[in-house]
N, C-alpha and C. Protein backbone atom coordinates (compact mmCIF):
# COMPACT_ATOMS: atom_id res chain seq x y z
N MET A 1 15.64 -30.13 -4.76
CA MET A 1 15.84 -28.75 -5.15
C MET A 1 17.29 -28.35 -4.89
N PRO A 2 17.95 -27.74 -5.86
CA PRO A 2 19.34 -27.32 -5.66
C PRO A 2 19.46 -26.29 -4.54
N ALA A 3 20.64 -26.21 -3.96
CA ALA A 3 20.87 -25.34 -2.80
C ALA A 3 20.80 -23.85 -3.15
N PHE A 4 21.29 -23.44 -4.30
CA PHE A 4 21.31 -22.02 -4.64
C PHE A 4 19.90 -21.41 -4.77
N PRO A 5 19.00 -22.02 -5.54
CA PRO A 5 17.63 -21.45 -5.62
C PRO A 5 16.92 -21.46 -4.26
N THR A 6 17.16 -22.47 -3.46
CA THR A 6 16.55 -22.53 -2.13
C THR A 6 17.06 -21.38 -1.27
N THR A 7 18.35 -21.10 -1.34
CA THR A 7 18.94 -20.01 -0.60
C THR A 7 18.35 -18.67 -1.05
N LEU A 8 18.16 -18.48 -2.35
CA LEU A 8 17.56 -17.26 -2.86
C LEU A 8 16.13 -17.08 -2.36
N VAL A 9 15.35 -18.16 -2.35
CA VAL A 9 13.96 -18.07 -1.88
C VAL A 9 13.93 -17.71 -0.40
N VAL A 10 14.76 -18.36 0.41
CA VAL A 10 14.81 -18.08 1.84
C VAL A 10 15.24 -16.64 2.08
N ALA A 11 16.26 -16.18 1.37
CA ALA A 11 16.73 -14.79 1.54
C ALA A 11 15.63 -13.80 1.16
N PHE A 12 14.90 -14.07 0.08
CA PHE A 12 13.82 -13.18 -0.33
C PHE A 12 12.73 -13.12 0.74
N VAL A 13 12.35 -14.25 1.28
CA VAL A 13 11.30 -14.28 2.31
C VAL A 13 11.74 -13.54 3.56
N VAL A 14 12.97 -13.73 4.00
CA VAL A 14 13.48 -13.06 5.19
C VAL A 14 13.55 -11.55 4.98
N LEU A 15 14.10 -11.11 3.86
CA LEU A 15 14.19 -9.68 3.58
C LEU A 15 12.81 -9.03 3.43
N SER A 16 11.88 -9.73 2.81
CA SER A 16 10.51 -9.20 2.69
C SER A 16 9.86 -9.05 4.05
N ALA A 17 10.04 -10.02 4.92
CA ALA A 17 9.46 -9.96 6.26
C ALA A 17 10.05 -8.80 7.05
N LEU A 18 11.36 -8.59 6.96
CA LEU A 18 12.00 -7.49 7.67
C LEU A 18 11.53 -6.14 7.14
N ALA A 19 11.42 -6.00 5.84
CA ALA A 19 10.98 -4.73 5.25
C ALA A 19 9.52 -4.44 5.61
N ASP A 20 8.68 -5.45 5.59
CA ASP A 20 7.26 -5.26 5.90
C ASP A 20 7.05 -4.94 7.37
N ARG A 21 7.83 -5.54 8.24
CA ARG A 21 7.68 -5.30 9.67
C ARG A 21 7.95 -3.84 10.02
N GLY A 22 8.94 -3.23 9.41
CA GLY A 22 9.26 -1.83 9.68
C GLY A 22 8.21 -0.88 9.14
N ALA A 23 7.56 -1.24 8.06
CA ALA A 23 6.56 -0.36 7.45
C ALA A 23 5.28 -0.30 8.26
N SER A 24 4.96 -1.34 9.00
CA SER A 24 3.69 -1.35 9.70
C SER A 24 3.79 -0.88 11.15
N THR A 25 4.92 -0.32 11.53
CA THR A 25 5.09 0.19 12.88
C THR A 25 4.19 1.40 13.09
N GLN A 26 3.44 1.37 14.18
CA GLN A 26 2.54 2.49 14.46
C GLN A 26 3.33 3.66 15.02
N ARG A 27 2.98 4.85 14.54
CA ARG A 27 3.61 6.08 14.99
C ARG A 27 2.52 7.06 15.42
N VAL A 28 2.91 8.10 16.15
CA VAL A 28 1.96 9.09 16.66
C VAL A 28 2.46 10.49 16.31
N ALA A 29 1.54 11.35 15.90
CA ALA A 29 1.87 12.76 15.61
C ALA A 29 0.73 13.64 16.07
N THR A 30 1.07 14.82 16.55
CA THR A 30 0.09 15.82 16.94
C THR A 30 0.34 17.08 16.12
N GLY A 31 -0.73 17.63 15.59
CA GLY A 31 -0.60 18.85 14.79
C GLY A 31 -1.94 19.46 14.49
N THR A 32 -1.92 20.42 13.61
CA THR A 32 -3.13 21.14 13.20
C THR A 32 -3.54 20.66 11.82
N VAL A 33 -4.84 20.42 11.65
CA VAL A 33 -5.35 20.00 10.35
C VAL A 33 -5.23 21.19 9.39
N ALA A 34 -4.48 20.98 8.31
CA ALA A 34 -4.29 22.04 7.32
C ALA A 34 -5.26 21.89 6.16
N GLU A 35 -5.65 20.64 5.89
CA GLU A 35 -6.53 20.35 4.76
C GLU A 35 -7.26 19.05 5.09
N VAL A 36 -8.53 18.96 4.71
CA VAL A 36 -9.27 17.73 4.97
C VAL A 36 -10.19 17.43 3.78
N HIS A 37 -10.20 16.17 3.41
CA HIS A 37 -11.09 15.64 2.36
C HIS A 37 -11.94 14.59 3.07
N VAL A 38 -13.14 14.99 3.47
CA VAL A 38 -14.01 14.18 4.34
C VAL A 38 -14.13 12.75 3.83
N GLY A 39 -13.87 11.81 4.75
CA GLY A 39 -13.97 10.40 4.44
C GLY A 39 -12.82 9.84 3.65
N ASP A 40 -11.87 10.67 3.24
CA ASP A 40 -10.76 10.21 2.41
C ASP A 40 -9.41 10.40 3.11
N TRP A 41 -8.99 11.65 3.28
CA TRP A 41 -7.69 11.91 3.91
C TRP A 41 -7.64 13.33 4.46
N MET A 42 -6.61 13.58 5.28
CA MET A 42 -6.36 14.92 5.81
C MET A 42 -4.86 15.17 5.84
N LEU A 43 -4.53 16.44 5.88
CA LEU A 43 -3.13 16.85 5.98
C LEU A 43 -2.95 17.47 7.36
N VAL A 44 -2.07 16.85 8.17
CA VAL A 44 -1.78 17.34 9.51
C VAL A 44 -0.42 18.03 9.45
N ALA A 45 -0.37 19.27 9.94
CA ALA A 45 0.86 20.04 9.88
C ALA A 45 1.27 20.50 11.26
N ASN A 46 2.56 20.59 11.44
CA ASN A 46 3.17 21.10 12.65
C ASN A 46 4.47 21.75 12.21
N GLU A 47 5.18 22.39 13.09
CA GLU A 47 6.44 22.99 12.70
C GLU A 47 7.35 21.96 12.05
N GLY A 48 7.63 22.16 10.76
CA GLY A 48 8.53 21.26 10.06
C GLY A 48 7.93 19.95 9.63
N MET A 49 6.62 19.74 9.81
CA MET A 49 6.01 18.45 9.46
C MET A 49 4.75 18.70 8.64
N ARG A 50 4.60 17.94 7.56
CA ARG A 50 3.36 17.92 6.79
C ARG A 50 3.06 16.44 6.54
N LEU A 51 2.01 15.96 7.19
CA LEU A 51 1.71 14.53 7.22
C LEU A 51 0.35 14.24 6.57
N PRO A 52 0.35 13.73 5.33
CA PRO A 52 -0.92 13.34 4.72
C PRO A 52 -1.32 11.95 5.25
N VAL A 53 -2.52 11.87 5.82
CA VAL A 53 -2.98 10.62 6.44
C VAL A 53 -4.36 10.26 5.90
N ALA A 54 -4.51 9.02 5.42
CA ALA A 54 -5.79 8.55 4.90
C ALA A 54 -6.64 8.00 6.03
N PHE A 55 -7.96 8.19 5.89
CA PHE A 55 -8.89 7.56 6.83
C PHE A 55 -9.20 6.17 6.28
N GLY A 56 -9.05 5.16 7.12
CA GLY A 56 -9.38 3.81 6.70
C GLY A 56 -10.74 3.39 7.23
N VAL A 57 -11.22 2.24 6.78
CA VAL A 57 -12.51 1.76 7.27
C VAL A 57 -12.44 1.38 8.74
N THR A 58 -11.26 1.14 9.24
CA THR A 58 -11.10 0.76 10.65
C THR A 58 -10.58 1.91 11.52
N THR A 59 -10.53 3.12 10.98
CA THR A 59 -10.07 4.28 11.75
C THR A 59 -11.02 4.54 12.92
N ALA A 60 -10.46 4.61 14.13
CA ALA A 60 -11.25 4.92 15.33
C ALA A 60 -11.12 6.41 15.62
N TYR A 61 -12.17 6.98 16.17
CA TYR A 61 -12.17 8.41 16.47
C TYR A 61 -12.46 8.63 17.94
N GLU A 62 -11.69 9.52 18.55
CA GLU A 62 -11.97 10.00 19.90
C GLU A 62 -12.41 11.44 19.73
N GLY A 63 -13.67 11.70 19.97
CA GLY A 63 -14.25 13.00 19.68
C GLY A 63 -15.11 12.88 18.44
N ASP A 64 -15.70 13.97 18.04
CA ASP A 64 -16.61 13.98 16.91
C ASP A 64 -15.84 14.06 15.60
N PRO A 65 -15.95 13.05 14.72
CA PRO A 65 -15.25 13.12 13.43
C PRO A 65 -15.71 14.30 12.57
N ALA A 66 -16.93 14.74 12.78
CA ALA A 66 -17.43 15.89 12.01
C ALA A 66 -16.72 17.18 12.41
N ALA A 67 -16.05 17.18 13.57
CA ALA A 67 -15.33 18.37 14.04
C ALA A 67 -13.96 18.50 13.38
N ILE A 68 -13.57 17.54 12.57
CA ILE A 68 -12.27 17.60 11.90
C ILE A 68 -12.39 18.53 10.69
N HIS A 69 -11.76 19.69 10.81
CA HIS A 69 -11.74 20.68 9.73
C HIS A 69 -10.45 21.49 9.88
N PRO A 70 -10.06 22.25 8.87
CA PRO A 70 -8.83 23.03 8.97
C PRO A 70 -8.81 23.91 10.22
N GLY A 71 -7.67 23.90 10.90
CA GLY A 71 -7.47 24.69 12.11
C GLY A 71 -7.66 23.92 13.40
N VAL A 72 -8.23 22.72 13.34
CA VAL A 72 -8.45 21.91 14.52
C VAL A 72 -7.18 21.11 14.83
N ARG A 73 -6.83 21.03 16.12
CA ARG A 73 -5.66 20.23 16.52
C ARG A 73 -6.08 18.79 16.74
N VAL A 74 -5.25 17.86 16.25
CA VAL A 74 -5.53 16.44 16.39
C VAL A 74 -4.26 15.68 16.74
N THR A 75 -4.46 14.53 17.35
CA THR A 75 -3.38 13.56 17.50
C THR A 75 -3.77 12.37 16.64
N VAL A 76 -2.83 11.88 15.86
CA VAL A 76 -3.10 10.79 14.92
C VAL A 76 -2.14 9.64 15.19
N TRP A 77 -2.70 8.44 15.33
CA TRP A 77 -1.92 7.22 15.39
C TRP A 77 -2.01 6.63 13.98
N TYR A 78 -0.87 6.43 13.34
CA TYR A 78 -0.88 6.03 11.94
C TYR A 78 0.21 5.00 11.66
N ARG A 79 0.11 4.39 10.48
CA ARG A 79 1.14 3.45 10.03
C ARG A 79 1.20 3.44 8.51
N GLY A 80 2.32 3.02 8.01
CA GLY A 80 2.48 2.85 6.56
C GLY A 80 2.13 1.42 6.21
N VAL A 81 1.21 1.25 5.29
CA VAL A 81 0.77 -0.09 4.92
C VAL A 81 0.90 -0.33 3.43
N GLY A 82 1.78 0.41 2.78
CA GLY A 82 2.01 0.24 1.36
C GLY A 82 0.99 0.95 0.50
N GLU A 83 0.20 1.83 1.07
CA GLU A 83 -0.77 2.61 0.32
C GLU A 83 -0.12 3.92 -0.13
N ARG A 84 -0.87 4.69 -0.89
CA ARG A 84 -0.36 5.98 -1.37
C ARG A 84 -0.04 6.91 -0.20
N ARG A 85 -0.91 6.91 0.80
CA ARG A 85 -0.71 7.73 2.00
C ARG A 85 -0.62 6.83 3.22
N LEU A 86 -0.11 7.39 4.30
CA LEU A 86 -0.13 6.69 5.58
C LEU A 86 -1.60 6.52 5.98
N VAL A 87 -1.91 5.50 6.78
CA VAL A 87 -3.30 5.23 7.16
C VAL A 87 -3.46 5.45 8.66
N ALA A 88 -4.49 6.21 9.03
CA ALA A 88 -4.78 6.51 10.43
C ALA A 88 -5.45 5.31 11.10
N ASP A 89 -4.89 4.88 12.22
CA ASP A 89 -5.53 3.85 13.06
C ASP A 89 -6.52 4.52 14.00
N LYS A 90 -6.13 5.69 14.53
CA LYS A 90 -6.97 6.41 15.47
C LYS A 90 -6.70 7.91 15.33
N VAL A 91 -7.77 8.70 15.49
CA VAL A 91 -7.67 10.16 15.45
C VAL A 91 -8.36 10.70 16.68
N ARG A 92 -7.63 11.53 17.43
CA ARG A 92 -8.20 12.18 18.62
C ARG A 92 -8.30 13.68 18.32
N VAL A 93 -9.52 14.21 18.41
CA VAL A 93 -9.74 15.64 18.25
C VAL A 93 -9.43 16.29 19.59
N LEU A 94 -8.46 17.20 19.60
CA LEU A 94 -8.04 17.86 20.83
C LEU A 94 -8.91 19.07 21.15
N PRO A 95 -9.11 19.35 22.43
CA PRO A 95 -9.95 20.50 22.78
C PRO A 95 -9.31 21.81 22.35
N ASP A 96 -10.14 22.77 22.03
CA ASP A 96 -9.68 24.10 21.63
C ASP A 96 -9.22 24.83 22.88
N PRO A 97 -7.95 25.24 22.99
CA PRO A 97 -7.47 25.91 24.20
C PRO A 97 -8.12 27.28 24.43
N ALA A 98 -8.71 27.86 23.40
CA ALA A 98 -9.36 29.17 23.55
C ALA A 98 -10.70 29.06 24.27
N ARG A 99 -11.28 27.85 24.27
CA ARG A 99 -12.56 27.64 24.96
C ARG A 99 -12.31 27.24 26.41
N PRO A 100 -13.11 27.74 27.33
CA PRO A 100 -12.91 27.40 28.76
C PRO A 100 -13.31 25.97 29.05
């Protein structure tokens, strides 16, 4: 195999691996649920942030998933996996501070 095509293949593989590694980094955000589509996705908002996050088949929940509705505060661990929306790895429903 000539050297130039081999170099192109190696460069493509290295650049693809670097780009993919950055996309799958897990991140965390806390905010208020602004919109929810049960079993599909939710919009988490905070000052200056609007984060659409999809629920995946492997999404873990801390607290009752049925309690996720607009106005509830949540912490979301999520990552970008090349889907239309970011995908939630874990969702924690935070307690309502108004309740004792």
